[in-house]
Amino acid sequence: MHSALDILHTYEGAFPVALMREDYGLTDNDLVIVSAMLTSYGQRMEIPKGVCETEFNEYLINPVTGRTSRSFRYCGKVDMISGSDLWEHKTASQITGSYLDKLWTDSQIIGYVWAMRGKQHIGRVVYNVLQKPRLRRKDTEAIETYAKRVAKWYLEKNRFHRERIIVGGQMVATWQYDLWAVTQEILRARKVGFRRNTARCFDWGRACAYLPVCQAVNPEMVLEIEYEETERHPELSEETKREK
């Protein structure tokens, strides 16, 4: 979805949804939702152009001494910058007042504003929220019938919202202090060991992916048999991941 929005906000003309199947391995059901969502989005919302997928790689800075960290970097990718606005694309099953109220606590976006300092003036953050349908294709339902149902759902009302938030200097400064404190906890844990937080094992209504490791008598064996090591941060380019 993010890739489709990048194209919509970068190029002129309609997005060729069919390419999503080949490039991203989407199923027929996925394509129905993507097509209906993007069609309705293009009809209902203004589509400002901008620079998409801007990557950054910045060493953290001690907020007290101003010195650069020798151990930690902050790397990531900004969805879009349009003028002085930093855009963050979100999908949500519901767009409610409580969902929007939580956006100001999004420390990731505050970090993006910090990372872009000196490169791009950011006046505000625009959360571009697209609602996902809860409609599911029935077992015997033809794909054409399902597509009509999803399209009708998007036609019923506007399923999109843009929330604009000003990220002030104090918010950025607080983010710096908080993140620096986390890095110091990590450094201490590397010396004495990481403390398990069993209160978080079943967040989001499901078990943590690493619960079997914590439960195992021989966790090393479970790691070797049940898990595989993958590339870190595959969404970032090799140039960005390379140390400065």
C-alpha atoms as a PDB file:
ATOM      1  CA  MET A   1       0.000   0.000   0.000  1.00  0.00           C
ATOM      2  CA  HIS A   2       2.797   2.409   0.845  1.00  0.00           C
ATOM      3  CA  SER A   3       4.421   1.792  -2.540  1.00  0.00           C
ATOM      4  CA  ALA A   4       1.142   2.524  -4.317  1.00  0.00           C
ATOM      5  CA  LEU A   5       0.726   5.773  -2.391  1.00  0.00           C
ATOM      6  CA  ASP A   6       4.295   6.741  -3.207  1.00  0.00           C
ATOM      7  CA  ILE A   7       3.518   6.440  -6.906  1.00  0.00           C
ATOM      8  CA  LEU A   8       0.249   8.355  -6.583  1.00  0.00           C
ATOM      9  CA  HIS A   9       2.011  11.215  -4.805  1.00  0.00           C
ATOM     10  CA  THR A  10       4.989  11.263  -7.153  1.00  0.00           C
ATOM     11  CA  TYR A  11       3.722  10.707 -10.686  1.00  0.00           C
ATOM     12  CA  GLU A  12       0.830  11.916 -12.744  1.00  0.00           C
ATOM     13  CA  GLY A  13      -1.859   9.529 -13.875  1.00  0.00           C
ATOM     14  CA  ALA A  14      -3.586   6.491 -12.416  1.00  0.00           C
ATOM     15  CA  PHE A  15      -1.650   3.827 -10.590  1.00  0.00           C
ATOM     16  CA  PRO A  16      -1.497   0.485 -12.450  1.00  0.00           C
ATOM     17  CA  VAL A  17      -2.843  -1.728  -9.672  1.00  0.00           C
ATOM     18  CA  ALA A  18      -2.190  -4.910 -11.655  1.00  0.00           C
ATOM     19  CA  LEU A  19       1.555  -4.369 -11.234  1.00  0.00           C
ATOM     20  CA  MET A  20       1.104  -4.921  -7.497  1.00  0.00           C
ATOM     21  CA  ARG A  21       0.413  -8.592  -8.153  1.00  0.00           C
ATOM     22  CA  GLU A  22       3.695  -9.133  -9.957  1.00  0.00           C
ATOM     23  CA  ASP A  23       5.896  -6.887  -7.817  1.00  0.00           C
ATOM     24  CA  TYR A  24       4.456  -7.584  -4.365  1.00  0.00           C
ATOM     25  CA  GLY A  25       2.781 -10.971  -4.706  1.00  0.00           C
ATOM     26  CA  LEU A  26      -0.726  -9.788  -3.860  1.00  0.00           C
ATOM     27  CA  THR A  27      -3.645 -12.189  -4.115  1.00  0.00           C
ATOM     28  CA  ASP A  28      -6.845 -11.473  -6.047  1.00  0.00           C
ATOM     29  CA  ASN A  29      -8.562 -10.465  -2.794  1.00  0.00           C
ATOM     30  CA  ASP A  30      -5.722  -8.107  -1.923  1.00  0.00           C
ATOM     31  CA  LEU A  31      -5.894  -6.506  -5.350  1.00  0.00           C
ATOM     32  CA  VAL A  32      -9.619  -5.900  -4.962  1.00  0.00           C
ATOM     33  CA  ILE A  33      -9.048  -3.969  -1.728  1.00  0.00           C
ATOM     34  CA  VAL A  34      -6.028  -2.048  -3.040  1.00  0.00           C
ATOM     35  CA  SER A  35      -7.826  -1.083  -6.232  1.00  0.00           C
ATOM     36  CA  ALA A  36     -11.000   0.082  -4.476  1.00  0.00           C
ATOM     37  CA  MET A  37      -9.059   1.946  -1.793  1.00  0.00           C
ATOM     38  CA  LEU A  38      -6.793   3.796  -4.216  1.00  0.00           C
ATOM     39  CA  THR A  39      -9.619   4.599  -6.609  1.00  0.00           C
ATOM     40  CA  SER A  40     -11.693   6.139  -3.817  1.00  0.00           C
ATOM     41  CA  TYR A  41      -8.635   7.875  -2.347  1.00  0.00           C
ATOM     42  CA  GLY A  42      -7.829   9.484  -5.687  1.00  0.00           C
ATOM     43  CA  GLN A  43     -11.410  10.667  -6.112  1.00  0.00           C
ATOM     44  CA  ARG A  44     -11.967  12.048  -2.619  1.00  0.00           C
ATOM     45  CA  MET A  45      -8.589  13.400  -1.547  1.00  0.00           C
ATOM     46  CA  GLU A  46      -6.238  16.035  -2.855  1.00  0.00           C
ATOM     47  CA  ILE A  47      -3.026  14.379  -4.068  1.00  0.00           C
ATOM     48  CA  PRO A  48      -0.084  16.695  -3.335  1.00  0.00           C
ATOM     49  CA  LYS A  49       3.217  15.767  -4.943  1.00  0.00           C
ATOM     50  CA  GLY A  50       6.304  15.201  -2.882  1.00  0.00           C
ATOM     51  CA  VAL A  51       9.569  13.356  -2.386  1.00  0.00           C
ATOM     52  CA  CYS A  52       8.922   9.815  -1.186  1.00  0.00           C
ATOM     53  CA  GLU A  53      10.980   7.273   0.723  1.00  0.00           C
ATOM     54  CA  THR A  54      13.684   9.653   1.977  1.00  0.00           C
ATOM     55  CA  GLU A  55      16.182   7.610   4.003  1.00  0.00           C
ATOM     56  CA  PHE A  56      18.357   8.852   6.863  1.00  0.00           C
ATOM     57  CA  ASN A  57      21.222   7.540   8.982  1.00  0.00           C
ATOM     58  CA  GLU A  58      22.163   9.701  11.971  1.00  0.00           C
ATOM     59  CA  TYR A  59      24.267   9.034  15.045  1.00  0.00           C
ATOM     60  CA  LEU A  60      22.389   9.802  18.238  1.00  0.00           C
ATOM     61  CA  ILE A  61      23.523  12.802  20.257  1.00  0.00           C
ATOM     62  CA  ASN A  62      23.870  13.004  24.017  1.00  0.00           C
ATOM     63  CA  PRO A  63      21.289  15.699  24.910  1.00  0.00           C
ATOM     64  CA  VAL A  64      23.358  16.831  27.907  1.00  0.00           C
ATOM     65  CA  THR A  65      26.881  17.005  26.472  1.00  0.00           C
ATOM     66  CA  GLY A  66      26.047  17.369  22.781  1.00  0.00           C
ATOM     67  CA  ARG A  67      28.519  14.607  21.964  1.00  0.00           C
ATOM     68  CA  THR A  68      27.844  12.010  19.273  1.00  0.00           C
ATOM     69  CA  SER A  69      27.118   8.451  20.354  1.00  0.00           C
ATOM     70  CA  ARG A  70      29.795   5.893  19.531  1.00  0.00           C
ATOM     71  CA  SER A  71      27.333   2.981  19.696  1.00  0.00           C
ATOM     72  CA  PHE A  72      23.942   3.955  18.324  1.00  0.00           C
ATOM     73  CA  ARG A  73      22.557   5.339  15.107  1.00  0.00           C
ATOM     74  CA  TYR A  74      18.995   6.270  14.186  1.00  0.00           C
ATOM     75  CA  CYS A  75      18.116   4.990  10.712  1.00  0.00           C
ATOM     76  CA  GLY A  76      14.839   5.012   8.882  1.00  0.00           C
ATOM     77  CA  LYS A  77      12.747   6.100   5.954  1.00  0.00           C
ATOM     78  CA  VAL A  78      10.266   8.983   5.711  1.00  0.00           C
ATOM     79  CA  ASP A  79       7.111   8.203   3.734  1.00  0.00           C
ATOM     80  CA  MET A  80       6.924  11.584   2.030  1.00  0.00           C
ATOM     81  CA  ILE A  81       8.020  15.205   2.300  1.00  0.00           C
ATOM     82  CA  SER A  82       5.845  17.760   0.542  1.00  0.00           C
ATOM     83  CA  GLY A  83       6.917  21.352   1.033  1.00  0.00           C
ATOM     84  CA  SER A  84       7.558  21.681   4.767  1.00  0.00           C
ATOM     85  CA  ASP A  85       5.160  18.845   5.646  1.00  0.00           C
ATOM     86  CA  LEU A  86       6.371  15.399   6.667  1.00  0.00           C
ATOM     87  CA  TRP A  87       3.797  12.794   5.653  1.00  0.00           C
ATOM     88  CA  GLU A  88       3.210   9.461   7.360  1.00  0.00           C
ATOM     89  CA  HIS A  89       0.865   6.997   5.647  1.00  0.00           C
ATOM     90  CA  LYS A  90      -1.244   4.834   7.945  1.00  0.00           C
ATOM     91  CA  THR A  91      -3.906   2.181   7.424  1.00  0.00           C
ATOM     92  CA  ALA A  92      -6.456   1.480  10.139  1.00  0.00           C
ATOM     93  CA  SER A  93      -9.510  -0.713  10.545  1.00  0.00           C
ATOM     94  CA  GLN A  94     -11.278   2.211  12.264  1.00  0.00           C
ATOM     95  CA  ILE A  95     -10.613   5.949  12.287  1.00  0.00           C
ATOM     96  CA  THR A  96     -11.930   7.068  15.661  1.00  0.00           C
ATOM     97  CA  GLY A  97     -11.300   9.978  17.975  1.00  0.00           C
ATOM     98  CA  SER A  98      -9.265   7.786  20.321  1.00  0.00           C
ATOM     99  CA  TYR A  99      -7.114   6.592  17.407  1.00  0.00           C
ATOM    100  CA  LEU A 100      -6.389  10.165  16.351  1.00  0.00           C
ATOM    101  CA  ASP A 101      -5.727  11.280  19.941  1.00  0.00           C
ATOM    102  CA  LYS A 102      -2.934   8.691  20.211  1.00  0.00           C
ATOM    103  CA  LEU A 103      -1.040  10.032  17.217  1.00  0.00           C
ATOM    104  CA  TRP A 104       0.693  12.771  19.197  1.00  0.00           C
ATOM    105  CA  THR A 105       2.433  10.024  21.249  1.00  0.00           C
ATOM    106  CA  ASP A 106       4.045   8.584  18.099  1.00  0.00           C
ATOM    107  CA  SER A 107       7.717   8.853  19.050  1.00  0.00           C
ATOM    108  CA  GLN A 108       8.805   7.419  15.700  1.00  0.00           C
ATOM    109  CA  ILE A 109       7.548  10.475  13.833  1.00  0.00           C
ATOM    110  CA  ILE A 110       9.151  12.863  16.315  1.00  0.00           C
ATOM    111  CA  GLY A 111      12.372  10.995  15.601  1.00  0.00           C
ATOM    112  CA  TYR A 112      11.858  11.558  11.883  1.00  0.00           C
ATOM    113  CA  VAL A 113      11.570  15.299  12.485  1.00  0.00           C
ATOM    114  CA  TRP A 114      14.805  15.183  14.508  1.00  0.00           C
ATOM    115  CA  ALA A 115      16.585  13.163  11.812  1.00  0.00           C
ATOM    116  CA  MET A 116      15.630  15.651   9.080  1.00  0.00           C
ATOM    117  CA  ARG A 117      17.028  18.637  10.985  1.00  0.00           C
ATOM    118  CA  GLY A 118      19.589  20.508   8.914  1.00  0.00           C
ATOM    119  CA  LYS A 119      18.306  18.848   5.732  1.00  0.00           C
ATOM    120  CA  GLN A 120      14.695  19.953   5.521  1.00  0.00           C
ATOM    121  CA  HIS A 121      12.586  22.347   7.592  1.00  0.00           C
ATOM    122  CA  ILE A 122       9.574  20.441   8.881  1.00  0.00           C
ATOM    123  CA  GLY A 123       6.657  22.671   9.816  1.00  0.00           C
ATOM    124  CA  ARG A 124       4.211  19.941  10.693  1.00  0.00           C
ATOM    125  CA  VAL A 125       3.455  16.230  10.399  1.00  0.00           C
ATOM    126  CA  VAL A 126       0.539  15.028   8.257  1.00  0.00           C
ATOM    127  CA  TYR A 127      -0.865  11.634   9.186  1.00  0.00           C
ATOM    128  CA  ASN A 128      -2.522  10.296   6.059  1.00  0.00           C
ATOM    129  CA  VAL A 129      -4.906   7.629   7.358  1.00  0.00           C
ATOM    130  CA  LEU A 130      -6.664   5.186   5.037  1.00  0.00           C
ATOM    131  CA  GLN A 131      -9.350   2.926   6.434  1.00  0.00           C
ATOM    132  CA  LYS A 132      -9.247  -0.769   5.554  1.00  0.00           C
ATOM    133  CA  PRO A 133     -12.515  -2.615   4.956  1.00  0.00           C
ATOM    134  CA  ARG A 134     -13.466  -5.474   7.233  1.00  0.00           C
ATOM    135  CA  LEU A 135     -15.348  -7.127   4.411  1.00  0.00           C
ATOM    136  CA  ARG A 136     -14.217 -10.668   3.704  1.00  0.00           C
ATOM    137  CA  ARG A 137     -14.787 -12.606   0.546  1.00  0.00           C
ATOM    138  CA  LYS A 138     -17.335 -15.369   1.035  1.00  0.00           C
ATOM    139  CA  ASP A 139     -16.402 -18.943   0.205  1.00  0.00           C
ATOM    140  CA  THR A 140     -18.562 -19.180  -2.908  1.00  0.00           C
ATOM    141  CA  GLU A 141     -18.424 -15.498  -3.880  1.00  0.00           C
ATOM    142  CA  ALA A 142     -17.129 -14.577  -7.328  1.00  0.00           C
ATOM    143  CA  ILE A 143     -14.235 -12.136  -7.325  1.00  0.00           C
ATOM    144  CA  GLU A 144     -16.291  -9.668  -9.393  1.00  0.00           C
ATOM    145  CA  THR A 145     -19.086  -9.687  -6.794  1.00  0.00           C
ATOM    146  CA  TYR A 146     -16.601  -9.170  -3.984  1.00  0.00           C
ATOM    147  CA  ALA A 147     -15.027  -6.268  -5.862  1.00  0.00           C
ATOM    148  CA  LYS A 148     -18.443  -4.591  -6.182  1.00  0.00           C
ATOM    149  CA  ARG A 149     -19.097  -4.965  -2.455  1.00  0.00           C
ATOM    150  CA  VAL A 150     -15.769  -3.432  -1.519  1.00  0.00           C
ATOM    151  CA  ALA A 151     -16.176  -0.589  -4.025  1.00  0.00           C
ATOM    152  CA  LYS A 152     -19.675   0.126  -2.661  1.00  0.00           C
ATOM    153  CA  TRP A 153     -18.272   0.256   0.893  1.00  0.00           C
ATOM    154  CA  TYR A 154     -15.788   2.947  -0.139  1.00  0.00           C
ATOM    155  CA  LEU A 155     -18.527   4.877  -1.946  1.00  0.00           C
ATOM    156  CA  GLU A 156     -20.776   5.041   1.138  1.00  0.00           C
ATOM    157  CA  LYS A 157     -18.669   7.739   2.812  1.00  0.00           C
ATOM    158  CA  ASN A 158     -15.191   9.160   3.004  1.00  0.00           C
ATOM    159  CA  ARG A 159     -12.911   6.482   4.490  1.00  0.00           C
ATOM    160  CA  PHE A 160      -9.842   8.708   4.686  1.00  0.00           C
ATOM    161  CA  HIS A 161      -8.573  11.318   7.114  1.00  0.00           C
ATOM    162  CA  ARG A 162      -5.577  13.634   7.388  1.00  0.00           C
ATOM    163  CA  GLU A 163      -4.521  14.680  10.864  1.00  0.00           C
ATOM    164  CA  ARG A 164      -2.046  17.551  11.062  1.00  0.00           C
ATOM    165  CA  ILE A 165       0.213  17.875  14.099  1.00  0.00           C
ATOM    166  CA  ILE A 166       2.811  20.491  14.965  1.00  0.00           C
ATOM    167  CA  VAL A 167       5.963  18.910  16.418  1.00  0.00           C
ATOM    168  CA  GLY A 168       7.565  21.615  18.566  1.00  0.00           C
ATOM    169  CA  GLY A 169      11.123  21.920  19.764  1.00  0.00           C
ATOM    170  CA  GLN A 170      10.272  20.744  23.281  1.00  0.00           C
ATOM    171  CA  MET A 171       8.721  17.543  21.908  1.00  0.00           C
ATOM    172  CA  VAL A 172      11.897  16.838  19.964  1.00  0.00           C
ATOM    173  CA  ALA A 173      14.088  17.593  22.996  1.00  0.00           C
ATOM    174  CA  THR A 174      12.021  15.244  25.175  1.00  0.00           C
ATOM    175  CA  TRP A 175      12.318  12.551  22.496  1.00  0.00           C
ATOM    176  CA  GLN A 176      16.110  12.950  22.555  1.00  0.00           C
ATOM    177  CA  TYR A 177      16.284  12.551  26.333  1.00  0.00           C
ATOM    178  CA  ASP A 178      13.955   9.533  26.290  1.00  0.00           C
ATOM    179  CA  LEU A 179      15.798   7.742  23.499  1.00  0.00           C
ATOM    180  CA  TRP A 180      19.185   8.463  25.042  1.00  0.00           C
ATOM    181  CA  ALA A 181      17.947   6.919  28.301  1.00  0.00           C
ATOM    182  CA  VAL A 182      16.930   3.797  26.377  1.00  0.00           C
ATOM    183  CA  THR A 183      20.386   3.504  24.813  1.00  0.00           C
ATOM    184  CA  GLN A 184      21.989   3.656  28.268  1.00  0.00           C
ATOM    185  CA  GLU A 185      19.687   0.885  29.484  1.00  0.00           C
ATOM    186  CA  ILE A 186      20.730  -1.222  26.500  1.00  0.00           C
ATOM    187  CA  LEU A 187      24.416  -0.658  27.238  1.00  0.00           C
ATOM    188  CA  ARG A 188      23.903  -1.711  30.860  1.00  0.00           C
ATOM    189  CA  ALA A 189      21.911  -4.768  29.807  1.00  0.00           C
ATOM    190  CA  ARG A 190      24.704  -5.848  27.467  1.00  0.00           C
ATOM    191  CA  LYS A 191      26.965  -6.047  30.510  1.00  0.00           C
ATOM    192  CA  VAL A 192      24.650  -7.633  33.088  1.00  0.00           C
ATOM    193  CA  GLY A 193      21.943  -9.230  30.919  1.00  0.00           C
ATOM    194  CA  PHE A 194      18.540  -8.188  29.641  1.00  0.00           C
ATOM    195  CA  ARG A 195      15.598  -8.284  32.029  1.00  0.00           C
ATOM    196  CA  ARG A 196      12.572 -10.161  30.775  1.00  0.00           C
ATOM    197  CA  ASN A 197       9.276  -8.271  30.798  1.00  0.00           C
ATOM    198  CA  THR A 198       6.679 -11.026  31.120  1.00  0.00           C
ATOM    199  CA  ALA A 199       3.883  -8.436  31.305  1.00  0.00           C
ATOM    200  CA  ARG A 200       4.234  -7.925  27.541  1.00  0.00           C
ATOM    201  CA  CYS A 201       4.208 -11.588  26.392  1.00  0.00           C
ATOM    202  CA  PHE A 202       0.616 -11.417  25.141  1.00  0.00           C
ATOM    203  CA  ASP A 203       0.273  -7.857  23.881  1.00  0.00           C
ATOM    204  CA  TRP A 204      -2.045  -7.273  20.892  1.00  0.00           C
ATOM    205  CA  GLY A 205      -4.099 -10.345  21.823  1.00  0.00           C
ATOM    206  CA  ARG A 206      -1.498 -12.891  20.770  1.00  0.00           C
ATOM    207  CA  ALA A 207       1.651 -14.502  22.060  1.00  0.00           C
ATOM    208  CA  CYS A 208       5.041 -12.931  21.394  1.00  0.00           C
ATOM    209  CA  ALA A 209       6.839 -14.595  18.506  1.00  0.00           C
ATOM    210  CA  TYR A 210       9.724 -15.436  20.858  1.00  0.00           C
ATOM    211  CA  LEU A 211       7.624 -16.916  23.680  1.00  0.00           C
ATOM    212  CA  PRO A 212       8.795 -20.497  22.855  1.00  0.00           C
ATOM    213  CA  VAL A 213      12.392 -19.373  23.440  1.00  0.00           C
ATOM    214  CA  CYS A 214      11.592 -18.024  26.906  1.00  0.00           C
ATOM    215  CA  GLN A 215       9.584 -21.133  27.782  1.00  0.00           C
ATOM    216  CA  ALA A 216      12.226 -23.604  26.618  1.00  0.00           C
ATOM    217  CA  VAL A 217      14.523 -25.562  28.898  1.00  0.00           C
ATOM    218  CA  ASN A 218      17.164 -25.276  26.163  1.00  0.00           C
ATOM    219  CA  PRO A 219      16.511 -21.941  24.428  1.00  0.00           C
ATOM    220  CA  GLU A 220      19.634 -22.221  22.230  1.00  0.00           C
ATOM    221  CA  MET A 221      18.260 -25.412  20.680  1.00  0.00           C
ATOM    222  CA  VAL A 222      14.869 -23.800  20.051  1.00  0.00           C
ATOM    223  CA  LEU A 223      16.545 -20.838  18.376  1.00  0.00           C
ATOM    224  CA  GLU A 224      18.550 -23.114  16.120  1.00  0.00           C
ATOM    225  CA  ILE A 225      15.619 -25.334  15.123  1.00  0.00           C
ATOM    226  CA  GLU A 226      12.624 -22.993  15.013  1.00  0.00           C
ATOM    227  CA  TYR A 227      14.108 -19.667  13.903  1.00  0.00           C
ATOM    228  CA  GLU A 228      16.272 -18.302  11.137  1.00  0.00           C
ATOM    229  CA  GLU A 229      18.364 -15.182  11.013  1.00  0.00           C
ATOM    230  CA  THR A 230      17.314 -12.680   8.367  1.00  0.00           C
ATOM    231  CA  GLU A 231      18.668  -9.436   7.031  1.00  0.00           C
ATOM    232  CA  ARG A 232      18.193  -6.497   9.360  1.00  0.00           C
ATOM    233  CA  HIS A 233      16.107  -3.603   8.062  1.00  0.00           C
ATOM    234  CA  PRO A 234      15.519  -4.924   4.508  1.00  0.00           C
ATOM    235  CA  GLU A 235      13.471  -1.798   3.762  1.00  0.00           C
ATOM    236  CA  LEU A 236      16.615   0.341   3.868  1.00  0.00           C
ATOM    237  CA  SER A 237      19.234   0.568   1.141  1.00  0.00           C
ATOM    238  CA  GLU A 238      22.707  -0.829   1.714  1.00  0.00           C
ATOM    239  CA  GLU A 239      24.107   2.702   1.499  1.00  0.00           C
ATOM    240  CA  THR A 240      21.901   3.894   4.352  1.00  0.00           C
ATOM    241  CA  LYS A 241      22.688   0.874   6.532  1.00  0.00           C
ATOM    242  CA  ARG A 242      26.413   1.294   6.001  1.00  0.00           C
ATOM    243  CA  GLU A 243      28.180   3.007   8.863  1.00  0.00           C
ATOM    244  CA  LYS A 244      29.268   6.572   8.220  1.00  0.00           C
END
